[in-house]
Amino acid sequence: MLQQTQVKTVIPYYERFLSRFPTVEALARAPLERVLQAWAGLGYYRRAENLKAAARQMMRDYGGKLPEDYDQLRALSGIGDYTAGALLSIAFGKNYPAIDGNITRVLGRLDSTHSETKIRVLAERLVSGKRPGDVNQALMELGATLCLPKTPDCGACPLGRECRSRSRHPRISAPRPKRISFTDVVWPVGIVRSRGKILLRRRSAGKLLGRLWELPGQETPDRGDDVRALRRELRDFAIKLRNRRSIAEIRHSITYRRIRAPIYLFECASDSIPAQSQWRWVSLADSERYPISALSKKALAVLAVHETRSA
């Protein structure tokens, strides 16, 4: 959960997740949709799928136990070098570095280098003694609280005297992060309502937001095409959309996309769905049990405000 996500955001999700899936076996046996529902809101949903897949691997190959071997850990779904190092050092007291963004910044400044090789050599040396897990966690915490990217508190840093960057460069630099190129996107969202229910669809596995449920909508190249795009998505339905209303426009981000999402409310008289369909009519109360995308949750919150004001 901490991959790409801050601790303060993770804590309530972590506590709820453990209450629902207290053991590896419970997670392995749980339906994927229930796991995704518990994860909804954290983003990067592939992490949840990997976590469940790893639980199944552990049940099949290791009797539900976490392996203590680096290569066996790396073979589990979703576990890379950083996570393997963190597990081995913190859970099992083994001498492995856990090099995340914070540790990269701290050690890069400490040795005044941008070389990933030199940073790894230094990290391995620091965890070669006793309590390697404590060392890794201390470095992570140092980067999260004092050795900050833009405003490091060098005066309070316990490594201040040993820090080459501080002695050589009054304005501390850090290893340069990769620049993310963002794309502005128009993504119209349709709330289709019939007999007190709304229309949801489940996204295909392997795609962006795979297996999550969402309101009709899609990325469109042109704002002028947004209503036509929504109608194209619903062309397989034997329903007639009527009373279209534009009720709001919201902002949202997914990976590199900065989304502008106009929201339209449609009423219809039929609640039929195509055969073999991933679409479903759901009451608003029941929708809370579905793993719904964050964008669709925002749109439903807008609907609630709109209905209150219209009452």
C-alpha atoms as a PDB file:
ATOM      1  CA  MET A   1       0.000   0.000   0.000  1.00  0.00           C
ATOM      2  CA  LEU A   2       2.885   2.359   0.655  1.00  0.00           C
ATOM      3  CA  GLN A   3       4.078   2.098  -2.939  1.00  0.00           C
ATOM      4  CA  GLN A   4       3.309   5.492  -4.533  1.00  0.00           C
ATOM      5  CA  THR A   5       1.112   6.424  -1.526  1.00  0.00           C
ATOM      6  CA  GLN A   6       1.792   8.412   1.651  1.00  0.00           C
ATOM      7  CA  VAL A   7       1.578   6.866   5.116  1.00  0.00           C
ATOM      8  CA  LYS A   8      -1.205   9.174   6.325  1.00  0.00           C
ATOM      9  CA  THR A   9      -3.369   8.079   3.397  1.00  0.00           C
ATOM     10  CA  VAL A  10      -2.578   4.395   3.834  1.00  0.00           C
ATOM     11  CA  ILE A  11      -3.238   3.927   7.573  1.00  0.00           C
ATOM     12  CA  PRO A  12      -7.080   3.752   7.534  1.00  0.00           C
ATOM     13  CA  TYR A  13      -7.032   1.540   4.430  1.00  0.00           C
ATOM     14  CA  TYR A  14      -4.443  -0.736   6.033  1.00  0.00           C
ATOM     15  CA  GLU A  15      -6.480  -1.146   9.207  1.00  0.00           C
ATOM     16  CA  ARG A  16      -9.709  -1.889   7.315  1.00  0.00           C
ATOM     17  CA  PHE A  17      -7.904  -4.286   4.972  1.00  0.00           C
ATOM     18  CA  LEU A  18      -6.450  -6.307   7.845  1.00  0.00           C
ATOM     19  CA  SER A  19      -9.810  -6.475   9.586  1.00  0.00           C
ATOM     20  CA  ARG A  20     -11.339  -7.991   6.425  1.00  0.00           C
ATOM     21  CA  PHE A  21      -8.402 -10.219   5.497  1.00  0.00           C
ATOM     22  CA  PRO A  22      -6.556 -11.028   8.748  1.00  0.00           C
ATOM     23  CA  THR A  23      -4.558 -13.962   7.328  1.00  0.00           C
ATOM     24  CA  VAL A  24      -2.855 -14.957   4.096  1.00  0.00           C
ATOM     25  CA  GLU A  25      -5.443 -17.711   3.709  1.00  0.00           C
ATOM     26  CA  ALA A  26      -8.341 -15.268   4.095  1.00  0.00           C
ATOM     27  CA  LEU A  27      -6.876 -13.032   1.396  1.00  0.00           C
ATOM     28  CA  ALA A  28      -6.153 -15.952  -0.922  1.00  0.00           C
ATOM     29  CA  ARG A  29      -9.718 -17.261  -0.631  1.00  0.00           C
ATOM     30  CA  ALA A  30     -11.469 -13.882  -0.942  1.00  0.00           C
ATOM     31  CA  PRO A  31     -13.128 -12.983  -4.262  1.00  0.00           C
ATOM     32  CA  LEU A  32     -11.035 -10.469  -6.176  1.00  0.00           C
ATOM     33  CA  GLU A  33     -13.966  -8.055  -6.324  1.00  0.00           C
ATOM     34  CA  ARG A  34     -14.091  -7.938  -2.519  1.00  0.00           C
ATOM     35  CA  VAL A  35     -10.349  -7.227  -2.389  1.00  0.00           C
ATOM     36  CA  LEU A  36     -10.704  -4.430  -4.939  1.00  0.00           C
ATOM     37  CA  GLN A  37     -13.627  -2.987  -2.986  1.00  0.00           C
ATOM     38  CA  ALA A  38     -11.442  -2.783   0.133  1.00  0.00           C
ATOM     39  CA  TRP A  39      -8.726  -1.106  -1.956  1.00  0.00           C
ATOM     40  CA  ALA A  40     -11.022   1.372  -3.740  1.00  0.00           C
ATOM     41  CA  GLY A  41      -9.678   4.913  -3.397  1.00  0.00           C
ATOM     42  CA  LEU A  42      -5.993   4.004  -3.093  1.00  0.00           C
ATOM     43  CA  GLY A  43      -5.446   3.859  -6.854  1.00  0.00           C
ATOM     44  CA  TYR A  44      -2.920   1.762  -8.754  1.00  0.00           C
ATOM     45  CA  TYR A  45      -5.281  -1.200  -8.440  1.00  0.00           C
ATOM     46  CA  ARG A  46      -2.800  -3.584  -9.976  1.00  0.00           C
ATOM     47  CA  ARG A  47      -1.189  -3.609  -6.510  1.00  0.00           C
ATOM     48  CA  ALA A  48      -4.329  -5.173  -5.005  1.00  0.00           C
ATOM     49  CA  GLU A  49      -4.481  -7.814  -7.730  1.00  0.00           C
ATOM     50  CA  ASN A  50      -0.804  -8.630  -7.148  1.00  0.00           C
ATOM     51  CA  LEU A  51      -1.332  -8.866  -3.392  1.00  0.00           C
ATOM     52  CA  LYS A  52      -4.112 -11.395  -3.796  1.00  0.00           C
ATOM     53  CA  ALA A  53      -2.097 -13.333  -6.380  1.00  0.00           C
ATOM     54  CA  ALA A  54       0.888 -13.405  -4.018  1.00  0.00           C
ATOM     55  CA  ALA A  55      -1.336 -14.727  -1.213  1.00  0.00           C
ATOM     56  CA  ARG A  56      -2.469 -17.566  -3.475  1.00  0.00           C
ATOM     57  CA  GLN A  57       1.151 -18.327  -4.382  1.00  0.00           C
ATOM     58  CA  MET A  58       2.102 -18.473  -0.708  1.00  0.00           C
ATOM     59  CA  MET A  59      -0.769 -20.831   0.073  1.00  0.00           C
ATOM     60  CA  ARG A  60       0.145 -23.081  -2.850  1.00  0.00           C
ATOM     61  CA  ASP A  61       3.933 -23.116  -2.490  1.00  0.00           C
ATOM     62  CA  TYR A  62       4.776 -22.174   1.108  1.00  0.00           C
ATOM     63  CA  GLY A  63       1.852 -23.266   3.276  1.00  0.00           C
ATOM     64  CA  GLY A  64       0.660 -19.694   3.747  1.00  0.00           C
ATOM     65  CA  LYS A  65       4.038 -18.506   5.041  1.00  0.00           C
ATOM     66  CA  LEU A  66       6.119 -15.658   3.656  1.00  0.00           C
ATOM     67  CA  PRO A  67       9.351 -17.095   2.228  1.00  0.00           C
ATOM     68  CA  GLU A  68      12.627 -15.842   3.715  1.00  0.00           C
ATOM     69  CA  ASP A  69      14.656 -16.232   0.525  1.00  0.00           C
ATOM     70  CA  TYR A  70      15.267 -13.221  -1.739  1.00  0.00           C
ATOM     71  CA  ASP A  71      14.687 -15.065  -5.019  1.00  0.00           C
ATOM     72  CA  GLN A  72      11.520 -16.719  -3.717  1.00  0.00           C
ATOM     73  CA  LEU A  73      10.188 -13.364  -2.546  1.00  0.00           C
ATOM     74  CA  ARG A  74      10.966 -11.716  -5.883  1.00  0.00           C
ATOM     75  CA  ALA A  75       9.024 -14.480  -7.615  1.00  0.00           C
ATOM     76  CA  LEU A  76       5.830 -13.465  -5.790  1.00  0.00           C
ATOM     77  CA  SER A  77       3.457 -11.218  -7.730  1.00  0.00           C
ATOM     78  CA  GLY A  78       4.093  -7.521  -7.197  1.00  0.00           C
ATOM     79  CA  ILE A  79       7.278  -7.837  -5.132  1.00  0.00           C
ATOM     80  CA  GLY A  80      10.265  -5.946  -6.495  1.00  0.00           C
ATOM     81  CA  ASP A  81      13.733  -5.302  -5.123  1.00  0.00           C
ATOM     82  CA  TYR A  82      12.657  -2.612  -2.636  1.00  0.00           C
ATOM     83  CA  THR A  83       9.769  -4.614  -1.166  1.00  0.00           C
ATOM     84  CA  ALA A  84      11.872  -7.769  -0.942  1.00  0.00           C
ATOM     85  CA  GLY A  85      14.638  -5.879   0.859  1.00  0.00           C
ATOM     86  CA  ALA A  86      12.162  -4.293   3.272  1.00  0.00           C
ATOM     87  CA  LEU A  87      10.546  -7.645   4.102  1.00  0.00           C
ATOM     88  CA  LEU A  88      13.839  -9.479   4.565  1.00  0.00           C
ATOM     89  CA  SER A  89      15.402  -6.795   6.755  1.00  0.00           C
ATOM     90  CA  ILE A  90      12.396  -5.723   8.830  1.00  0.00           C
ATOM     91  CA  ALA A  91      10.509  -9.017   9.174  1.00  0.00           C
ATOM     92  CA  PHE A  92      13.453 -11.429   9.249  1.00  0.00           C
ATOM     93  CA  GLY A  93      16.454  -9.332  10.324  1.00  0.00           C
ATOM     94  CA  LYS A  94      18.443 -10.162   7.187  1.00  0.00           C
ATOM     95  CA  ASN A  95      21.117  -7.866   5.776  1.00  0.00           C
ATOM     96  CA  TYR A  96      19.351  -6.462   2.732  1.00  0.00           C
ATOM     97  CA  PRO A  97      18.927  -2.801   1.781  1.00  0.00           C
ATOM     98  CA  ALA A  98      15.460  -1.422   1.011  1.00  0.00           C
ATOM     99  CA  ILE A  99      16.144   1.437  -1.373  1.00  0.00           C
ATOM    100  CA  ASP A 100      13.080   3.606  -1.882  1.00  0.00           C
ATOM    101  CA  GLY A 101      12.871   7.250  -2.945  1.00  0.00           C
ATOM    102  CA  ASN A 102      13.622   8.570   0.540  1.00  0.00           C
ATOM    103  CA  ILE A 103      16.685   6.381   1.023  1.00  0.00           C
ATOM    104  CA  THR A 104      17.934   7.240  -2.454  1.00  0.00           C
ATOM    105  CA  ARG A 105      17.737  10.943  -1.591  1.00  0.00           C
ATOM    106  CA  VAL A 106      19.356  10.568   1.857  1.00  0.00           C
ATOM    107  CA  LEU A 107      22.268   8.404   0.680  1.00  0.00           C
ATOM    108  CA  GLY A 108      22.714  10.396  -2.522  1.00  0.00           C
ATOM    109  CA  ARG A 109      23.178  13.548  -0.477  1.00  0.00           C
ATOM    110  CA  LEU A 110      25.245  11.803   2.180  1.00  0.00           C
ATOM    111  CA  ASP A 111      27.784  10.669  -0.424  1.00  0.00           C
ATOM    112  CA  SER A 112      27.189  13.623  -2.792  1.00  0.00           C
ATOM    113  CA  THR A 113      26.376  11.344  -5.711  1.00  0.00           C
ATOM    114  CA  HIS A 114      23.668  10.647  -8.254  1.00  0.00           C
ATOM    115  CA  SER A 115      25.106   7.220  -9.069  1.00  0.00           C
ATOM    116  CA  GLU A 116      22.621   4.437  -8.350  1.00  0.00           C
ATOM    117  CA  THR A 117      25.527   1.986  -8.071  1.00  0.00           C
ATOM    118  CA  LYS A 118      27.288   4.045  -5.395  1.00  0.00           C
ATOM    119  CA  ILE A 119      24.030   4.533  -3.507  1.00  0.00           C
ATOM    120  CA  ARG A 120      23.409   0.772  -3.476  1.00  0.00           C
ATOM    121  CA  VAL A 121      26.976   0.021  -2.306  1.00  0.00           C
ATOM    122  CA  LEU A 122      26.551   2.508   0.555  1.00  0.00           C
ATOM    123  CA  ALA A 123      23.118   1.080   1.451  1.00  0.00           C
ATOM    124  CA  GLU A 124      24.501  -2.465   1.558  1.00  0.00           C
ATOM    125  CA  ARG A 125      27.347  -1.354   3.805  1.00  0.00           C
ATOM    126  CA  LEU A 126      24.994   0.381   6.241  1.00  0.00           C
ATOM    127  CA  VAL A 127      22.789  -2.718   6.695  1.00  0.00           C
ATOM    128  CA  SER A 128      25.681  -5.149   7.037  1.00  0.00           C
ATOM    129  CA  GLY A 129      25.597  -5.086  10.842  1.00  0.00           C
ATOM    130  CA  LYS A 130      22.946  -5.890  13.427  1.00  0.00           C
ATOM    131  CA  ARG A 131      19.331  -4.731  13.164  1.00  0.00           C
ATOM    132  CA  PRO A 132      19.290  -3.986   9.419  1.00  0.00           C
ATOM    133  CA  GLY A 133      15.540  -3.447   9.531  1.00  0.00           C
ATOM    134  CA  ASP A 134      15.950  -0.620  12.016  1.00  0.00           C
ATOM    135  CA  VAL A 135      18.611   0.966   9.813  1.00  0.00           C
ATOM    136  CA  ASN A 136      16.366   0.833   6.747  1.00  0.00           C
ATOM    137  CA  GLN A 137      13.410   2.266   8.649  1.00  0.00           C
ATOM    138  CA  ALA A 138      15.565   5.008  10.180  1.00  0.00           C
ATOM    139  CA  LEU A 139      16.801   6.050   6.729  1.00  0.00           C
ATOM    140  CA  MET A 140      13.257   6.051   5.373  1.00  0.00           C
ATOM    141  CA  GLU A 141      12.082   8.180   8.296  1.00  0.00           C
ATOM    142  CA  LEU A 142      15.031  10.557   7.930  1.00  0.00           C
ATOM    143  CA  GLY A 143      14.100  11.146   4.304  1.00  0.00           C
ATOM    144  CA  ALA A 144      10.414  11.589   5.135  1.00  0.00           C
ATOM    145  CA  THR A 145      10.888  14.057   8.001  1.00  0.00           C
ATOM    146  CA  LEU A 146      14.233  15.900   7.754  1.00  0.00           C
ATOM    147  CA  CYS A 147      16.052  15.228   4.493  1.00  0.00           C
ATOM    148  CA  LEU A 148      13.181  16.607   2.445  1.00  0.00           C
ATOM    149  CA  PRO A 149      13.406  17.121  -1.320  1.00  0.00           C
ATOM    150  CA  LYS A 150      13.220  20.943  -1.320  1.00  0.00           C
ATOM    151  CA  THR A 151      13.660  22.098   2.284  1.00  0.00           C
ATOM    152  CA  PRO A 152      15.992  19.741   4.196  1.00  0.00           C
ATOM    153  CA  ASP A 153      16.435  20.510   7.891  1.00  0.00           C
ATOM    154  CA  CYS A 154      20.219  20.035   7.947  1.00  0.00           C
ATOM    155  CA  GLY A 155      20.582  21.525  11.406  1.00  0.00           C
ATOM    156  CA  ALA A 156      18.490  18.760  12.971  1.00  0.00           C
ATOM    157  CA  CYS A 157      19.952  15.932  10.871  1.00  0.00           C
ATOM    158  CA  PRO A 158      21.884  13.292  12.873  1.00  0.00           C
ATOM    159  CA  LEU A 159      24.095  12.708   9.800  1.00  0.00           C
ATOM    160  CA  GLY A 160      24.914  16.387   9.333  1.00  0.00           C
ATOM    161  CA  ARG A 161      28.623  16.064  10.097  1.00  0.00           C
ATOM    162  CA  GLU A 162      29.087  13.143   7.708  1.00  0.00           C
ATOM    163  CA  CYS A 163      27.017  14.632   4.879  1.00  0.00           C
ATOM    164  CA  ARG A 164      29.250  15.544   1.931  1.00  0.00           C
ATOM    165  CA  SER A 165      26.506  17.474   0.174  1.00  0.00           C
ATOM    166  CA  ARG A 166      26.068  19.749   3.177  1.00  0.00           C
ATOM    167  CA  SER A 167      29.773  20.528   3.457  1.00  0.00           C
ATOM    168  CA  ARG A 168      30.317  20.990  -0.291  1.00  0.00           C
ATOM    169  CA  HIS A 169      27.063  22.579  -1.351  1.00  0.00           C
ATOM    170  CA  PRO A 170      25.206  25.027   0.913  1.00  0.00           C
ATOM    171  CA  ARG A 171      22.062  24.455  -1.151  1.00  0.00           C
ATOM    172  CA  ILE A 172      21.562  20.704  -0.890  1.00  0.00           C
ATOM    173  CA  SER A 173      20.839  18.884  -4.092  1.00  0.00           C
ATOM    174  CA  ALA A 174      19.243  15.491  -4.496  1.00  0.00           C
ATOM    175  CA  PRO A 175      19.221  12.777  -7.129  1.00  0.00           C
ATOM    176  CA  ARG A 176      17.033  14.113  -9.901  1.00  0.00           C
ATOM    177  CA  PRO A 177      13.636  12.398 -10.106  1.00  0.00           C
ATOM    178  CA  LYS A 178      12.263  11.419 -13.477  1.00  0.00           C
ATOM    179  CA  ARG A 179       9.985  14.109 -14.866  1.00  0.00           C
ATOM    180  CA  ILE A 180       6.405  13.045 -15.473  1.00  0.00           C
ATOM    181  CA  SER A 181       4.762  14.324 -18.616  1.00  0.00           C
ATOM    182  CA  PHE A 182       1.066  14.975 -17.967  1.00  0.00           C
ATOM    183  CA  THR A 183      -1.657  14.912 -20.609  1.00  0.00           C
ATOM    184  CA  ASP A 184      -4.833  16.988 -20.333  1.00  0.00           C
ATOM    185  CA  VAL A 185      -7.865  14.804 -21.048  1.00  0.00           C
ATOM    186  CA  VAL A 186     -11.609  15.308 -21.461  1.00  0.00           C
ATOM    187  CA  TRP A 187     -13.491  12.353 -19.935  1.00  0.00           C
ATOM    188  CA  PRO A 188     -17.288  12.813 -19.951  1.00  0.00           C
ATOM    189  CA  VAL A 189     -19.225  10.818 -17.355  1.00  0.00           C
ATOM    190  CA  GLY A 190     -22.846   9.788 -17.746  1.00  0.00           C
ATOM    191  CA  ILE A 191     -25.155   9.022 -14.834  1.00  0.00           C
ATOM    192  CA  VAL A 192     -27.935   6.950 -16.406  1.00  0.00           C
ATOM    193  CA  ARG A 193     -30.872   6.528 -14.037  1.00  0.00           C
ATOM    194  CA  SER A 194     -33.942   4.320 -14.263  1.00  0.00           C
ATOM    195  CA  ARG A 195     -36.478   3.416 -11.579  1.00  0.00           C
ATOM    196  CA  GLY A 196     -34.198   4.608  -8.798  1.00  0.00           C
ATOM    197  CA  LYS A 197     -31.163   2.691 -10.038  1.00  0.00           C
ATOM    198  CA  ILE A 198     -27.996   3.799 -11.812  1.00  0.00           C
ATOM    199  CA  LEU A 199     -26.094   2.048 -14.568  1.00  0.00           C
ATOM    200  CA  LEU A 200     -22.595   0.733 -13.828  1.00  0.00           C
ATOM    201  CA  ARG A 201     -20.179  -1.273 -15.942  1.00  0.00           C
ATOM    202  CA  ARG A 202     -17.175  -3.364 -15.018  1.00  0.00           C
ATOM    203  CA  ARG A 203     -13.939  -2.528 -16.794  1.00  0.00           C
ATOM    204  CA  SER A 204     -12.002  -5.284 -18.499  1.00  0.00           C
ATOM    205  CA  ALA A 205      -9.052  -6.896 -16.705  1.00  0.00           C
ATOM    206  CA  GLY A 206      -5.603  -5.821 -17.824  1.00  0.00           C
ATOM    207  CA  LYS A 207      -6.674  -2.293 -18.765  1.00  0.00           C
ATOM    208  CA  LEU A 208      -6.546   1.013 -16.895  1.00  0.00           C
ATOM    209  CA  LEU A 209      -8.647   0.597 -13.707  1.00  0.00           C
ATOM    210  CA  GLY A 210      -9.156  -3.040 -14.676  1.00  0.00           C
ATOM    211  CA  ARG A 211     -12.025  -4.913 -12.928  1.00  0.00           C
ATOM    212  CA  LEU A 212     -13.369  -1.763 -11.253  1.00  0.00           C
ATOM    213  CA  TRP A 213     -16.962  -0.675 -11.702  1.00  0.00           C
ATOM    214  CA  GLU A 214     -17.676   2.759 -13.122  1.00  0.00           C
ATOM    215  CA  LEU A 215     -20.278   5.026 -14.646  1.00  0.00           C
ATOM    216  CA  PRO A 216     -20.427   5.196 -18.444  1.00  0.00           C
ATOM    217  CA  GLY A 217     -17.680   7.425 -19.797  1.00  0.00           C
ATOM    218  CA  GLN A 218     -14.422   7.448 -21.662  1.00  0.00           C
ATOM    219  CA  GLU A 219     -11.524   9.592 -22.700  1.00  0.00           C
ATOM    220  CA  THR A 220     -12.442  11.681 -25.754  1.00  0.00           C
ATOM    221  CA  PRO A 221     -10.202  13.721 -28.060  1.00  0.00           C
ATOM    222  CA  ASP A 222     -12.574  16.685 -28.204  1.00  0.00           C
ATOM    223  CA  ARG A 223     -14.879  18.318 -25.671  1.00  0.00           C
ATOM    224  CA  GLY A 224     -17.459  18.790 -28.403  1.00  0.00           C
ATOM    225  CA  ASP A 225     -17.730  15.023 -28.784  1.00  0.00           C
ATOM    226  CA  ASP A 226     -18.526  14.207 -25.167  1.00  0.00           C
ATOM    227  CA  VAL A 227     -22.273  13.557 -25.407  1.00  0.00           C
ATOM    228  CA  ARG A 228     -21.893  11.608 -28.663  1.00  0.00           C
ATOM    229  CA  ALA A 229     -19.192   9.502 -26.992  1.00  0.00           C
ATOM    230  CA  LEU A 230     -21.552   8.634 -24.135  1.00  0.00           C
ATOM    231  CA  ARG A 231     -24.312   7.695 -26.561  1.00  0.00           C
ATOM    232  CA  ARG A 232     -21.919   5.466 -28.514  1.00  0.00           C
ATOM    233  CA  GLU A 233     -21.084   3.572 -25.313  1.00  0.00           C
ATOM    234  CA  LEU A 234     -24.776   2.880 -24.752  1.00  0.00           C
ATOM    235  CA  ARG A 235     -25.694   1.969 -28.329  1.00  0.00           C
ATOM    236  CA  ASP A 236     -26.107  -1.732 -27.437  1.00  0.00           C
ATOM    237  CA  PHE A 237     -28.883  -0.917 -24.976  1.00  0.00           C
ATOM    238  CA  ALA A 238     -32.534  -1.023 -25.889  1.00  0.00           C
ATOM    239  CA  ILE A 239     -33.109   2.183 -23.949  1.00  0.00           C
ATOM    240  CA  LYS A 240     -33.944   5.721 -24.904  1.00  0.00           C
ATOM    241  CA  LEU A 241     -32.027   8.388 -23.069  1.00  0.00           C
ATOM    242  CA  ARG A 242     -34.033  11.480 -22.255  1.00  0.00           C
ATOM    243  CA  ASN A 243     -33.957  14.589 -20.096  1.00  0.00           C
ATOM    244  CA  ARG A 244     -30.214  15.023 -20.465  1.00  0.00           C
ATOM    245  CA  ARG A 245     -28.838  17.539 -17.999  1.00  0.00           C
ATOM    246  CA  SER A 246     -25.319  18.834 -17.495  1.00  0.00           C
ATOM    247  CA  ILE A 247     -24.998  18.964 -13.714  1.00  0.00           C
ATOM    248  CA  ALA A 248     -21.313  19.731 -13.069  1.00  0.00           C
ATOM    249  CA  GLU A 249     -17.716  19.449 -14.209  1.00  0.00           C
ATOM    250  CA  ILE A 250     -15.018  17.963 -11.986  1.00  0.00           C
ATOM    251  CA  ARG A 251     -11.254  17.519 -12.049  1.00  0.00           C
ATOM    252  CA  HIS A 252      -9.463  14.238 -11.497  1.00  0.00           C
ATOM    253  CA  SER A 253      -6.091  12.598 -12.131  1.00  0.00           C
ATOM    254  CA  ILE A 254      -5.293   9.030 -13.169  1.00  0.00           C
ATOM    255  CA  THR A 255      -1.596   8.164 -13.625  1.00  0.00           C
ATOM    256  CA  TYR A 256      -0.328  10.751 -16.122  1.00  0.00           C
ATOM    257  CA  ARG A 257      -3.796  12.009 -17.117  1.00  0.00           C
ATOM    258  CA  ARG A 258      -5.191  15.305 -15.810  1.00  0.00           C
ATOM    259  CA  ILE A 259      -8.889  14.872 -16.402  1.00  0.00           C
ATOM    260  CA  ARG A 260     -11.646  17.408 -16.968  1.00  0.00           C
ATOM    261  CA  ALA A 261     -14.881  15.471 -16.542  1.00  0.00           C
ATOM    262  CA  PRO A 262     -18.234  17.011 -17.503  1.00  0.00           C
ATOM    263  CA  ILE A 263     -21.049  15.099 -15.802  1.00  0.00           C
ATOM    264  CA  TYR A 264     -24.387  14.436 -17.487  1.00  0.00           C
ATOM    265  CA  LEU A 265     -27.535  13.039 -15.921  1.00  0.00           C
ATOM    266  CA  PHE A 266     -29.822  10.955 -18.161  1.00  0.00           C
ATOM    267  CA  GLU A 267     -33.206   9.523 -17.317  1.00  0.00           C
ATOM    268  CA  CYS A 268     -34.573   6.450 -19.097  1.00  0.00           C
ATOM    269  CA  ALA A 269     -37.667   4.290 -18.830  1.00  0.00           C
ATOM    270  CA  SER A 270     -36.042   0.882 -19.316  1.00  0.00           C
ATOM    271  CA  ASP A 271     -33.621  -1.064 -17.163  1.00  0.00           C
ATOM    272  CA  SER A 272     -32.738  -3.783 -19.696  1.00  0.00           C
ATOM    273  CA  ILE A 273     -29.124  -4.769 -20.330  1.00  0.00           C
ATOM    274  CA  PRO A 274     -27.501  -6.664 -23.200  1.00  0.00           C
ATOM    275  CA  ALA A 275     -26.937 -10.404 -22.744  1.00  0.00           C
ATOM    276  CA  GLN A 276     -23.433 -11.457 -21.604  1.00  0.00           C
ATOM    277  CA  SER A 277     -22.896  -7.902 -20.432  1.00  0.00           C
ATOM    278  CA  GLN A 278     -20.542  -6.306 -17.930  1.00  0.00           C
ATOM    279  CA  TRP A 279     -23.225  -3.681 -17.248  1.00  0.00           C
ATOM    280  CA  ARG A 280     -25.451  -3.694 -14.181  1.00  0.00           C
ATOM    281  CA  TRP A 281     -28.275  -1.640 -12.720  1.00  0.00           C
ATOM    282  CA  VAL A 282     -27.506  -0.841  -9.079  1.00  0.00           C
ATOM    283  CA  SER A 283     -29.247   1.170  -6.390  1.00  0.00           C
ATOM    284  CA  LEU A 284     -27.237   3.994  -4.864  1.00  0.00           C
ATOM    285  CA  ALA A 285     -27.275   2.221  -1.503  1.00  0.00           C
ATOM    286  CA  ASP A 286     -25.941  -1.011  -3.026  1.00  0.00           C
ATOM    287  CA  SER A 287     -23.283   0.826  -5.060  1.00  0.00           C
ATOM    288  CA  GLU A 288     -21.231   1.238  -1.883  1.00  0.00           C
ATOM    289  CA  ARG A 289     -20.566  -2.507  -1.941  1.00  0.00           C
ATOM    290  CA  TYR A 290     -18.931  -2.322  -5.366  1.00  0.00           C
ATOM    291  CA  PRO A 291     -15.284  -1.451  -6.052  1.00  0.00           C
ATOM    292  CA  ILE A 292     -16.043   1.786  -7.916  1.00  0.00           C
ATOM    293  CA  SER A 293     -13.437   3.989  -9.559  1.00  0.00           C
ATOM    294  CA  ALA A 294     -12.557   7.229  -7.775  1.00  0.00           C
ATOM    295  CA  LEU A 295     -13.768   9.332 -10.716  1.00  0.00           C
ATOM    296  CA  SER A 296     -17.192   7.668 -10.612  1.00  0.00           C
ATOM    297  CA  LYS A 297     -17.353   8.118  -6.821  1.00  0.00           C
ATOM    298  CA  LYS A 298     -16.743  11.833  -7.301  1.00  0.00           C
ATOM    299  CA  ALA A 299     -19.482  11.963  -9.921  1.00  0.00           C
ATOM    300  CA  LEU A 300     -21.961  10.213  -7.593  1.00  0.00           C
ATOM    301  CA  ALA A 301     -21.076  12.670  -4.824  1.00  0.00           C
ATOM    302  CA  VAL A 302     -21.850  15.491  -7.269  1.00  0.00           C
ATOM    303  CA  LEU A 303     -25.209  13.826  -8.018  1.00  0.00           C
ATOM    304  CA  ALA A 304     -26.038  13.750  -4.305  1.00  0.00           C
ATOM    305  CA  VAL A 305     -25.312  17.489  -4.003  1.00  0.00           C
ATOM    306  CA  HIS A 306     -27.317  18.206  -7.170  1.00  0.00           C
ATOM    307  CA  GLU A 307     -30.326  16.279  -5.866  1.00  0.00           C
ATOM    308  CA  THR A 308     -30.170  18.063  -2.520  1.00  0.00           C
ATOM    309  CA  ARG A 309     -30.139  21.469  -4.177  1.00  0.00           C
ATOM    310  CA  SER A 310     -32.935  20.488  -6.538  1.00  0.00           C
ATOM    311  CA  ALA A 311     -35.182  19.186  -3.763  1.00  0.00           C
END
